[in-house]
Amino acid sequence: MDYKKLQNGSDIRGVALDGIEGQSVNLTEKVCKDIGRGFAVWLKNKTGKSTLRVAVGRDSRLSGEALSEWICSSMVDSGIDVTDFKMASTPAMFMSTVTKGYEYDGSVMITASHLPFNRNGFKFFTANGGLEKADIKEILTFAESGEETGLEKGSYKTGEFMDAYSKILADKIRQATGEDQPLKGFKIVVDAGNGAGGFYVDKVLKPLGADTAGSRYLEPDGSFPNHIPNPEDKDAMKSITDAVKETGADLGIIFDTDVDRAGAVLSDGSELNRNRIIAMLSAILLKDHPGTTIVTDSITSTGLAKFIKEKGGVHHRFKRGYRNVINEAIRLNNEGKDSQLAIETSGHGAFKENYFLDDGAYIVTKLLIELAKGKKQGYTLSSLIGTLDEPKESVEFRMNILLDDFKEYGQKVIDSLTEYAKNKEGWALANDNYEGVRVNLDKEHGNGWFLLRLSLHDPLLPLNIESDEEGGAKKIAKELVSFINGFDKLEKSKLLDFAK
């Protein structure tokens, strides 16, 4: 097989289990062992070291144990001293490379984030952070070529790191509040969706004094019997919202499968995700870092940009893809422009103060610090985003491109729409747009905006529409239909039905 087809941006992902029609297993024992060998060769070349230590962890997926066994044995055969941490989170695996007393040369996390139960994959880290696309390509090239490290056989042992990682988070809350149990008197519920996030209850919240009764689905179960662990999923958000309402909790927390993303629900049952969680974290950071730049993905709302500006910050709307927003924030900092936060609407959030690591548990830790401080100082979390203007309507359509050479066709649609927008009455191209084409529409033409972009990996043109008035999204869709109808290789039935 062509190993490069397993690359998904800066990750490796594939099918690990039978169970969905039309999807053949491609993360076989041979493939996983080749990938382990490829990573060993890459790491030896990168570090120049002949003695290497690598930590391995996995989320709750049913295939995780087998994939871990395969990649561990392959790296041992390639001369790596491997420590298997078993169940872990993605952010913890990075932290194992920088935490004093551990400081592994590299780490591997076995996960496919929120994808269906039969999928799995690998994320790789060094102390410099997550690997880039070019690194993954190189690892897969080594995997395919059969290249060896030439090192003597390494060793294998099991270990534990989640206790140390959790203590880092708990101690951060203690230090910020000056109390040993700053969450005493608070009811906080967690929905881990049967992923790897259940540790946060026993290892962080309870030691800090929180009442966590009513938390849901903390036990790892890779069949995900209750709902997909994903803060963007409607069923998942309903689950944590119900838990908050039923228990009268002060805060509800939800993690994705490998805990690099998070969402929350406030005490009044309102969701804290997408634009709202970005606004919340921006408000928190701007207290201590006035004027800092908040880097987001391309589909954030007009109201969020206004909110960040009013709070004294700078909103820098960039491209979709968590590595894209993180790398853009790093670039700005390197140029001398302070950027404390890079965050996607999906819940991937990375702080300058935390290695620019996208860590859902760290996001929650920041919220809990503010929750505890607010009780002392007389404010609530919800008051921090009280001035955020939210759109009346927000919809997304994902239009399939019915061609093998989808990128060229998709770019042709975007380029044509850009030219079309320049002369369309009531339309105005957005300034400083880094992805696709974003157009603002005046009150007579829908009172909102749309963004058409090419998916990072799939043959899709996602279309996002937001409006500040009831019925505005339909009005914008109607204006778009006459243009979109000119492209017969787009599957656009849902957009057409909506615009009727």
Protein backbone atom coordinates (compact mmCIF):
# COMPACT_ATOMS: atom_id res chain seq x y z
CA MET A 1 0.00 0.00 0.00
CA ASP A 2 0.97 3.64 -0.33
CA TYR A 3 1.84 4.57 3.25
CA LYS A 4 1.53 8.27 2.52
CA LYS A 5 -2.23 7.83 2.23
CA LEU A 6 -2.24 7.32 6.01
CA GLN A 7 -1.09 10.90 6.57
CA ASN A 8 -3.75 13.25 7.89
CA GLY A 9 -2.01 16.59 8.21
CA SER A 10 0.39 16.28 11.15
CA ASP A 11 -1.10 12.94 12.29
CA ILE A 12 -1.32 9.39 10.99
CA ARG A 13 -4.83 7.95 10.82
CA GLY A 14 -6.38 4.84 9.36
CA VAL A 15 -8.83 2.00 9.78
CA ALA A 16 -7.86 -0.34 12.61
CA LEU A 17 -10.98 -2.54 12.92
CA ASP A 18 -13.53 -4.11 10.60
CA GLY A 19 -17.06 -3.00 11.22
CA ILE A 20 -18.04 -0.31 8.73
CA GLU A 21 -18.91 -1.34 5.19
CA GLY A 22 -16.51 -0.08 2.56
CA GLN A 23 -13.66 0.53 5.04
CA SER A 24 -10.82 -1.99 4.89
CA VAL A 25 -8.29 -2.27 7.69
CA ASN A 26 -5.07 -0.51 6.73
CA LEU A 27 -3.45 -0.17 10.17
CA THR A 28 -2.32 -3.78 10.11
CA GLU A 29 0.39 -5.28 12.32
CA LYS A 30 2.96 -4.89 9.53
CA VAL A 31 2.01 -1.29 8.84
CA CYS A 32 2.14 -0.32 12.53
CA LYS A 33 5.50 -2.00 13.00
CA ASP A 34 6.85 -0.26 9.92
CA ILE A 35 5.63 3.08 11.30
CA GLY A 36 7.37 2.34 14.62
CA ARG A 37 10.59 1.60 12.80
CA GLY A 38 10.15 4.73 10.68
CA PHE A 39 9.73 6.90 13.79
CA ALA A 40 12.83 5.32 15.35
CA VAL A 41 14.90 6.14 12.26
CA TRP A 42 13.49 9.68 12.15
CA LEU A 43 14.17 10.27 15.87
CA LYS A 44 17.74 8.92 15.65
CA ASN A 45 18.45 11.19 12.67
CA LYS A 46 16.77 14.18 14.33
CA THR A 47 18.57 13.90 17.67
CA GLY A 48 21.86 12.36 16.58
CA LYS A 49 21.65 10.14 19.66
CA SER A 50 22.30 6.41 19.82
CA THR A 51 20.51 5.94 23.15
CA LEU A 52 16.86 6.97 22.88
CA ARG A 53 13.89 6.85 25.26
CA VAL A 54 10.30 7.00 23.96
CA ALA A 55 7.02 7.03 25.90
CA VAL A 56 3.84 5.52 24.43
CA GLY A 57 0.22 6.11 25.46
CA ARG A 58 -3.24 5.39 24.06
CA ASP A 59 -6.84 6.44 24.46
CA SER A 60 -9.77 4.07 25.05
CA ARG A 61 -10.20 2.80 21.50
CA LEU A 62 -10.80 -0.92 21.13
CA SER A 63 -7.81 -1.30 18.82
CA GLY A 64 -5.47 0.73 21.02
CA GLU A 65 -3.91 -2.15 22.95
CA ALA A 66 -2.96 -4.07 19.80
CA LEU A 67 -1.56 -1.01 18.03
CA SER A 68 0.43 -0.14 21.15
CA GLU A 69 1.89 -3.64 21.34
CA TRP A 70 2.91 -3.52 17.68
CA ILE A 71 4.53 -0.10 17.66
CA CYS A 72 6.25 -0.67 21.01
CA SER A 73 7.78 -3.98 19.91
CA SER A 74 8.94 -2.44 16.63
CA MET A 75 10.63 0.50 18.35
CA VAL A 76 12.32 -1.86 20.83
CA ASP A 77 13.63 -3.92 17.89
CA SER A 78 14.91 -0.64 16.42
CA GLY A 79 16.98 0.16 19.51
CA ILE A 80 14.55 2.35 21.47
CA ASP A 81 14.03 2.08 25.23
CA VAL A 82 10.22 2.21 25.40
CA THR A 83 8.03 3.03 28.40
CA ASP A 84 4.37 2.12 27.93
CA PHE A 85 2.06 4.43 29.91
CA LYS A 86 -1.05 2.52 28.79
CA MET A 87 -4.16 4.76 29.09
CA ALA A 88 -3.18 8.41 28.75
CA SER A 89 -4.14 11.69 27.10
CA THR A 90 -2.51 13.27 24.08
CA PRO A 91 -1.34 16.40 25.98
CA ALA A 92 0.14 14.22 28.72
CA MET A 93 2.23 12.39 26.16
CA PHE A 94 3.80 15.67 25.06
CA MET A 95 4.34 16.68 28.68
CA SER A 96 6.33 13.46 29.23
CA THR A 97 9.05 14.97 26.99
CA VAL A 98 9.44 18.18 29.04
CA THR A 99 8.52 17.27 32.63
CA LYS A 100 11.49 17.11 34.99
CA GLY A 101 12.39 13.55 35.87
CA TYR A 102 10.85 12.15 32.68
CA GLU A 103 12.15 14.13 29.67
CA TYR A 104 11.72 11.44 27.03
CA ASP A 105 13.38 11.99 23.66
CA GLY A 106 10.05 11.40 21.97
CA SER A 107 6.54 10.16 22.60
CA VAL A 108 3.73 8.47 20.70
CA MET A 109 0.00 8.81 21.32
CA ILE A 110 -2.31 6.23 19.79
CA THR A 111 -5.60 7.98 18.99
CA ALA A 112 -7.96 9.06 16.23
CA SER A 113 -9.55 11.84 18.28
CA HIS A 114 -13.35 11.88 17.79
CA LEU A 115 -13.47 9.61 14.71
CA PRO A 116 -15.63 6.43 14.72
CA PHE A 117 -14.70 3.45 16.89
CA ASN A 118 -13.03 1.51 14.04
CA ARG A 119 -10.49 4.25 13.30
CA ASN A 120 -7.17 4.85 15.04
CA GLY A 121 -3.83 6.48 14.44
CA PHE A 122 -0.62 7.97 15.82
CA LYS A 123 0.52 11.38 17.02
CA PHE A 124 4.20 12.02 17.66
CA PHE A 125 5.99 14.51 19.92
CA THR A 126 9.43 15.71 20.89
CA ALA A 127 10.26 18.38 23.45
CA ASN A 128 9.80 20.91 20.61
CA GLY A 129 6.12 19.98 20.30
CA GLY A 130 3.97 17.98 17.92
CA LEU A 131 5.55 16.91 14.67
CA GLU A 132 4.82 18.85 11.48
CA LYS A 133 3.42 17.57 8.19
CA ALA A 134 6.90 17.29 6.70
CA ASP A 135 8.04 15.15 9.65
CA ILE A 136 5.12 12.74 9.24
CA LYS A 137 5.87 12.45 5.54
CA GLU A 138 9.47 11.59 6.36
CA ILE A 139 8.45 8.97 8.95
CA LEU A 140 6.15 7.31 6.42
CA THR A 141 8.90 7.38 3.80
CA PHE A 142 11.22 5.55 6.22
CA ALA A 143 8.39 3.13 7.05
CA GLU A 144 7.93 2.31 3.38
CA SER A 145 11.61 2.07 2.50
CA GLY A 146 12.59 -0.49 5.13
CA GLU A 147 15.41 1.67 6.47
CA GLU A 148 16.79 0.59 9.86
CA THR A 149 18.44 2.46 12.75
CA GLY A 150 21.33 0.03 13.03
CA LEU A 151 21.05 0.13 16.83
CA GLU A 152 21.17 -2.78 19.25
CA LYS A 153 17.79 -3.93 20.60
CA GLY A 154 16.23 -1.62 23.17
CA SER A 155 14.10 -2.34 26.23
CA TYR A 156 10.41 -2.30 27.19
CA LYS A 157 8.74 -1.47 30.48
CA THR A 158 5.41 -0.14 31.70
CA GLY A 159 5.15 3.12 33.60
CA GLU A 160 2.77 5.74 35.00
CA PHE A 161 2.63 9.40 34.08
CA MET A 162 -0.99 10.54 34.47
CA ASP A 163 -0.51 11.09 38.21
CA ALA A 164 2.41 13.45 37.59
CA TYR A 165 0.59 15.24 34.77
CA SER A 166 -2.59 15.65 36.85
CA LYS A 167 -0.57 17.06 39.75
CA ILE A 168 0.83 19.73 37.43
CA LEU A 169 -2.73 20.84 36.62
CA ALA A 170 -3.98 20.67 40.22
CA ASP A 171 -0.95 22.57 41.52
CA LYS A 172 -1.50 25.29 38.93
CA ILE A 173 -5.00 25.89 40.32
CA ARG A 174 -3.66 25.88 43.89
CA GLN A 175 -0.92 28.37 43.07
CA ALA A 176 -3.26 30.71 41.19
CA THR A 177 -5.82 30.77 44.02
CA GLY A 178 -3.54 30.43 47.03
CA GLU A 179 -5.70 27.63 48.48
CA ASP A 180 -5.14 23.92 48.95
CA GLN A 181 -8.78 23.08 48.10
CA PRO A 182 -10.00 26.06 46.08
CA LEU A 183 -12.93 24.11 44.57
CA LYS A 184 -14.51 23.20 47.91
CA GLY A 185 -18.19 24.14 47.80
CA PHE A 186 -18.40 23.83 44.01
CA LYS A 187 -20.30 21.09 42.20
CA ILE A 188 -18.51 20.27 38.95
CA VAL A 189 -19.60 17.46 36.62
CA VAL A 190 -17.57 15.84 33.87
CA ASP A 191 -18.66 13.91 30.79
CA ALA A 192 -15.69 11.98 29.41
CA GLY A 193 -17.76 10.17 26.78
CA ASN A 194 -15.97 6.90 27.72
CA GLY A 195 -12.74 8.35 26.33
CA ALA A 196 -9.51 8.97 28.22
CA GLY A 197 -10.67 12.06 30.15
CA GLY A 198 -12.15 10.40 33.23
CA PHE A 199 -8.88 10.88 35.12
CA TYR A 200 -9.69 14.57 35.59
CA VAL A 201 -12.35 13.77 38.18
CA ASP A 202 -10.29 11.59 40.53
CA LYS A 203 -6.87 13.13 39.95
CA VAL A 204 -7.68 16.87 39.69
CA LEU A 205 -11.19 17.85 40.80
CA LYS A 206 -11.62 15.70 43.89
CA PRO A 207 -8.19 16.54 45.40
CA LEU A 208 -9.12 20.23 44.98
CA GLY A 209 -12.32 19.72 46.97
CA ALA A 210 -14.94 19.67 44.21
CA ASP A 211 -18.17 17.69 44.47
CA THR A 212 -18.24 15.66 41.25
CA ALA A 213 -21.37 13.57 41.90
CA GLY A 214 -23.41 13.27 38.72
CA SER A 215 -20.43 13.01 36.37
CA ARG A 216 -21.00 10.74 33.37
CA TYR A 217 -19.26 8.11 31.28
CA LEU A 218 -15.90 8.29 33.03
CA GLU A 219 -15.03 4.64 32.41
CA PRO A 220 -12.98 4.06 29.23
CA ASP A 221 -14.94 2.14 26.60
CA GLY A 222 -13.74 2.31 23.02
CA SER A 223 -17.10 1.31 21.59
CA PHE A 224 -18.39 4.73 22.79
CA PRO A 225 -21.78 3.34 23.79
CA ASN A 226 -23.31 6.62 25.00
CA HIS A 227 -22.21 9.31 22.56
CA ILE A 228 -19.20 10.37 20.52
CA PRO A 229 -16.65 12.10 22.78
CA ASN A 230 -16.63 15.40 20.91
CA PRO A 231 -17.47 18.91 22.20
CA GLU A 232 -18.83 19.76 18.74
CA ASP A 233 -21.32 16.88 18.72
CA LYS A 234 -24.94 17.83 19.55
CA ASP A 235 -25.64 14.62 21.48
CA ALA A 236 -22.46 15.04 23.50
CA MET A 237 -23.28 18.64 24.41
CA LYS A 238 -26.85 17.67 25.31
CA SER A 239 -25.48 15.00 27.62
CA ILE A 240 -23.28 17.37 29.64
CA THR A 241 -25.98 20.06 29.59
CA ASP A 242 -28.49 17.58 31.04
CA ALA A 243 -25.96 16.61 33.70
CA VAL A 244 -25.51 20.26 34.73
CA LYS A 245 -29.26 20.88 34.92
CA GLU A 246 -30.04 17.65 36.76
CA THR A 247 -27.35 18.17 39.42
CA GLY A 248 -27.46 21.96 39.71
CA ALA A 249 -23.75 22.04 38.93
CA ASP A 250 -21.66 25.20 38.91
CA LEU A 251 -19.87 23.97 35.80
CA GLY A 252 -20.02 21.07 33.37
CA ILE A 253 -16.95 19.83 31.51
CA ILE A 254 -16.74 17.68 28.38
CA PHE A 255 -13.63 16.26 26.74
CA ASP A 256 -12.97 14.66 23.39
CA THR A 257 -11.55 11.14 23.27
CA ASP A 258 -7.87 11.98 23.78
CA VAL A 259 -8.43 15.19 25.82
CA ASP A 260 -6.74 17.65 23.50
CA ARG A 261 -10.10 19.45 23.17
CA ALA A 262 -12.71 20.53 25.68
CA GLY A 263 -16.04 22.29 26.00
CA ALA A 264 -18.05 23.38 29.00
CA VAL A 265 -21.55 24.24 30.19
CA LEU A 266 -22.22 27.11 32.57
CA SER A 267 -24.48 26.87 35.62
CA ASP A 268 -27.45 28.29 33.70
CA GLY A 269 -27.21 25.47 31.14
CA SER A 270 -25.68 27.59 28.38
CA GLU A 271 -23.01 25.95 26.25
CA LEU A 272 -19.46 27.20 26.37
CA ASN A 273 -17.99 26.11 23.07
CA ARG A 274 -17.07 27.50 19.64
CA ASN A 275 -17.08 31.34 19.71
CA ARG A 276 -18.16 31.46 23.35
CA ILE A 277 -15.21 29.51 24.75
CA ILE A 278 -12.80 31.57 22.64
CA ALA A 279 -14.38 34.74 24.05
CA MET A 280 -14.16 33.40 27.61
CA LEU A 281 -10.49 32.46 27.35
CA SER A 282 -9.71 35.74 25.60
CA ALA A 283 -11.36 37.71 28.41
CA ILE A 284 -9.34 35.78 30.99
CA LEU A 285 -6.02 36.26 29.20
CA LEU A 286 -6.55 39.93 28.39
CA LYS A 287 -6.72 40.74 32.11
CA ASP A 288 -3.04 39.83 32.44
CA HIS A 289 -1.91 40.41 28.86
CA PRO A 290 -3.59 43.57 27.54
CA GLY A 291 -3.15 44.03 23.81
CA THR A 292 -2.25 40.40 23.11
CA THR A 293 -3.26 38.81 19.81
CA ILE A 294 -5.75 35.94 19.81
CA VAL A 295 -5.24 33.69 16.77
CA THR A 296 -8.34 31.75 15.68
CA ASP A 297 -9.47 29.69 12.73
CA SER A 298 -11.35 31.19 9.80
CA ILE A 299 -14.99 30.58 10.81
CA THR A 300 -15.20 32.68 13.96
CA SER A 301 -18.02 35.19 14.15
CA THR A 302 -18.03 38.94 13.62
CA GLY A 303 -19.27 39.34 17.19
CA LEU A 304 -16.18 37.57 18.54
CA ALA A 305 -13.84 39.93 16.68
CA LYS A 306 -15.73 42.89 18.13
CA PHE A 307 -15.62 41.37 21.64
CA ILE A 308 -11.85 40.81 21.57
CA LYS A 309 -11.28 44.35 20.34
CA GLU A 310 -13.51 45.82 23.06
CA LYS A 311 -11.56 43.84 25.68
CA GLY A 312 -8.35 45.43 24.45
CA GLY A 313 -7.04 42.58 22.34
CA VAL A 314 -6.32 41.92 18.68
CA HIS A 315 -8.20 39.23 16.77
CA HIS A 316 -6.16 37.49 14.08
CA ARG A 317 -8.44 35.20 12.08
CA PHE A 318 -6.33 32.58 10.27
CA LYS A 319 -6.84 29.15 8.66
CA ARG A 320 -8.66 26.03 9.83
CA GLY A 321 -6.44 23.31 11.31
CA TYR A 322 -5.08 23.31 14.85
CA ARG A 323 -1.46 23.17 13.67
CA ASN A 324 -2.13 26.14 11.40
CA VAL A 325 -3.40 28.40 14.19
CA ILE A 326 -0.66 27.27 16.60
CA ASN A 327 2.11 27.83 14.07
CA GLU A 328 0.69 31.25 13.19
CA ALA A 329 0.72 32.30 16.86
CA ILE A 330 4.31 31.06 17.18
CA ARG A 331 5.24 33.01 14.04
CA LEU A 332 3.71 36.21 15.43
CA ASN A 333 5.60 35.80 18.70
CA ASN A 334 8.85 35.22 16.83
CA GLU A 335 8.23 38.50 15.01
CA GLY A 336 7.84 40.28 18.35
CA LYS A 337 4.03 40.45 18.35
CA ASP A 338 2.70 38.93 21.57
CA SER A 339 0.12 36.19 21.01
CA GLN A 340 -0.98 34.33 24.13
CA LEU A 341 -3.62 32.05 22.61
CA ALA A 342 -4.15 30.02 19.44
CA ILE A 343 -7.56 28.37 19.30
CA GLU A 344 -9.97 26.76 16.86
CA THR A 345 -13.74 26.83 17.19
CA SER A 346 -13.50 23.02 17.46
CA GLY A 347 -12.08 23.42 20.99
CA HIS A 348 -8.39 22.97 20.14
CA GLY A 349 -6.78 25.67 22.30
CA ALA A 350 -3.06 26.26 22.91
CA PHE A 351 -1.54 28.79 25.32
CA LYS A 352 1.85 30.46 25.03
CA GLU A 353 2.34 29.83 28.76
CA ASN A 354 1.87 26.08 28.18
CA TYR A 355 4.26 25.27 25.31
CA PHE A 356 1.55 26.14 22.75
CA LEU A 357 0.19 22.67 23.47
CA ASP A 358 -3.44 22.07 22.53
CA ASP A 359 -4.68 20.64 25.80
CA GLY A 360 -8.35 20.37 26.72
CA ALA A 361 -7.53 19.69 30.37
CA TYR A 362 -5.44 22.87 30.51
CA ILE A 363 -8.32 24.90 29.05
CA VAL A 364 -10.57 23.55 31.79
CA THR A 365 -7.91 24.31 34.39
CA LYS A 366 -7.92 27.97 33.28
CA LEU A 367 -11.72 28.06 33.62
CA LEU A 368 -11.59 26.55 37.11
CA ILE A 369 -9.06 29.14 38.28
CA GLU A 370 -11.43 31.86 37.15
CA LEU A 371 -14.42 30.11 38.71
CA ALA A 372 -12.66 30.02 42.08
CA LYS A 373 -11.41 33.61 41.80
CA GLY A 374 -14.88 34.81 40.83
CA LYS A 375 -16.41 33.40 43.99
CA LYS A 376 -13.96 35.44 46.08
CA GLN A 377 -14.25 38.61 44.03
CA GLY A 378 -17.97 38.54 43.32
CA TYR A 379 -18.27 37.72 39.64
CA THR A 380 -19.35 34.70 37.60
CA LEU A 381 -17.92 33.02 34.53
CA SER A 382 -20.95 34.04 32.49
CA SER A 383 -20.36 37.71 33.34
CA LEU A 384 -17.01 37.56 31.52
CA ILE A 385 -18.76 37.15 28.17
CA GLY A 386 -21.88 39.18 28.92
CA THR A 387 -21.11 41.66 26.11
CA LEU A 388 -20.46 39.04 23.43
CA ASP A 389 -22.73 39.57 20.44
CA GLU A 390 -23.79 36.18 19.12
CA PRO A 391 -25.28 35.52 15.68
CA LYS A 392 -28.99 34.88 15.43
CA GLU A 393 -28.37 32.09 12.91
CA SER A 394 -25.39 29.92 12.04
CA VAL A 395 -25.37 27.05 9.52
CA GLU A 396 -22.79 24.94 7.72
CA PHE A 397 -23.06 23.01 4.46
CA ARG A 398 -20.42 20.53 3.31
CA MET A 399 -20.56 20.23 -0.47
CA ASN A 400 -18.83 17.17 -1.92
CA ILE A 401 -16.63 17.69 -4.96
CA LEU A 402 -17.41 14.89 -7.39
CA LEU A 403 -13.97 14.67 -8.99
CA ASP A 404 -10.69 12.86 -8.24
CA ASP A 405 -8.73 16.06 -8.84
CA PHE A 406 -10.86 17.90 -6.31
CA LYS A 407 -8.33 20.50 -5.17
CA GLU A 408 -8.00 22.16 -8.56
CA TYR A 409 -11.77 22.24 -9.04
CA GLY A 410 -12.39 23.52 -5.51
CA GLN A 411 -9.87 26.32 -5.94
CA LYS A 412 -11.52 27.25 -9.24
CA VAL A 413 -14.88 27.66 -7.44
CA ILE A 414 -13.27 29.83 -4.75
CA ASP A 415 -11.41 32.01 -7.26
CA SER A 416 -14.54 32.47 -9.34
CA LEU A 417 -16.60 33.40 -6.28
CA THR A 418 -13.96 35.93 -5.22
CA GLU A 419 -14.28 37.70 -8.57
CA TYR A 420 -18.07 37.43 -8.48
CA ALA A 421 -18.21 39.01 -5.03
CA LYS A 422 -16.25 42.07 -6.11
CA ASN A 423 -19.11 43.27 -8.30
CA LYS A 424 -22.10 41.95 -6.34
CA GLU A 425 -24.31 44.60 -4.79
CA GLY A 426 -24.41 44.44 -0.99
CA TRP A 427 -21.37 42.13 -0.84
CA ALA A 428 -17.90 43.08 0.42
CA LEU A 429 -14.84 40.88 0.58
CA ALA A 430 -13.53 40.58 4.14
CA ASN A 431 -10.15 42.10 4.88
CA ASP A 432 -7.24 39.97 6.10
CA ASN A 433 -8.79 36.66 5.07
CA TYR A 434 -6.30 33.78 4.92
CA GLU A 435 -8.50 30.93 3.73
CA GLY A 436 -11.06 30.54 0.96
CA VAL A 437 -13.31 33.52 0.35
CA ARG A 438 -15.14 35.35 3.13
CA VAL A 439 -17.83 37.89 2.22
CA ASN A 440 -19.73 40.33 4.43
CA LEU A 441 -23.32 41.12 3.39
CA ASP A 442 -25.22 44.28 4.32
CA LYS A 443 -28.65 44.39 5.97
CA GLU A 444 -30.56 44.26 2.69
CA HIS A 445 -28.72 41.10 1.62
CA GLY A 446 -28.79 39.00 4.78
CA ASN A 447 -26.99 41.03 7.43
CA GLY A 448 -24.14 38.59 7.99
CA TRP A 449 -21.30 36.78 6.26
CA PHE A 450 -20.35 33.55 4.54
CA LEU A 451 -17.07 31.69 4.13
CA LEU A 452 -16.42 29.15 1.39
CA ARG A 453 -13.21 27.18 1.79
CA LEU A 454 -11.56 23.99 0.61
CA SER A 455 -11.34 21.21 3.20
CA LEU A 456 -7.81 20.50 4.41
CA HIS A 457 -7.90 16.81 3.51
CA ASP A 458 -11.23 15.78 1.99
CA PRO A 459 -12.97 16.43 -1.36
CA LEU A 460 -15.26 19.02 0.22
CA LEU A 461 -16.11 22.70 0.01
CA PRO A 462 -17.46 23.65 3.46
CA LEU A 463 -19.72 26.69 3.43
CA ASN A 464 -20.38 28.57 6.68
CA ILE A 465 -23.14 31.18 6.88
CA GLU A 466 -23.96 33.45 9.83
CA SER A 467 -26.55 36.18 10.13
CA ASP A 468 -27.52 38.70 12.80
CA GLU A 469 -31.24 38.52 11.95
CA GLU A 470 -33.92 35.84 11.82
CA GLY A 471 -34.19 34.46 8.29
CA GLY A 472 -30.92 36.10 7.28
CA ALA A 473 -29.05 32.84 6.69
CA LYS A 474 -31.70 31.70 4.20
CA LYS A 475 -31.48 35.07 2.44
CA ILE A 476 -27.69 34.70 2.12
CA ALA A 477 -28.07 31.13 0.88
CA LYS A 478 -30.51 32.28 -1.79
CA GLU A 479 -28.02 34.89 -2.98
CA LEU A 480 -25.34 32.22 -3.26
CA VAL A 481 -27.43 29.64 -5.11
CA SER A 482 -27.40 31.43 -8.45
CA PHE A 483 -23.60 31.33 -8.40
CA ILE A 484 -23.19 27.80 -7.00
CA ASN A 485 -25.59 26.36 -9.58
CA GLY A 486 -22.98 27.08 -12.23
CA PHE A 487 -20.75 24.28 -10.94
CA ASP A 488 -22.08 20.83 -11.81
CA LYS A 489 -19.39 18.86 -9.95
CA LEU A 490 -20.60 20.04 -6.55
CA GLU A 491 -23.11 18.03 -4.51
CA LYS A 492 -25.21 20.93 -3.21
CA SER A 493 -28.69 19.51 -2.55
CA LYS A 494 -28.74 20.47 1.17
CA LEU A 495 -27.87 24.08 0.36
CA LEU A 496 -30.53 24.19 -2.35
CA ASP A 497 -33.17 22.75 -0.02
CA PHE A 498 -32.27 25.26 2.68
CA ALA A 499 -32.48 28.18 0.26
CA LYS A 500 -36.00 27.30 -0.95
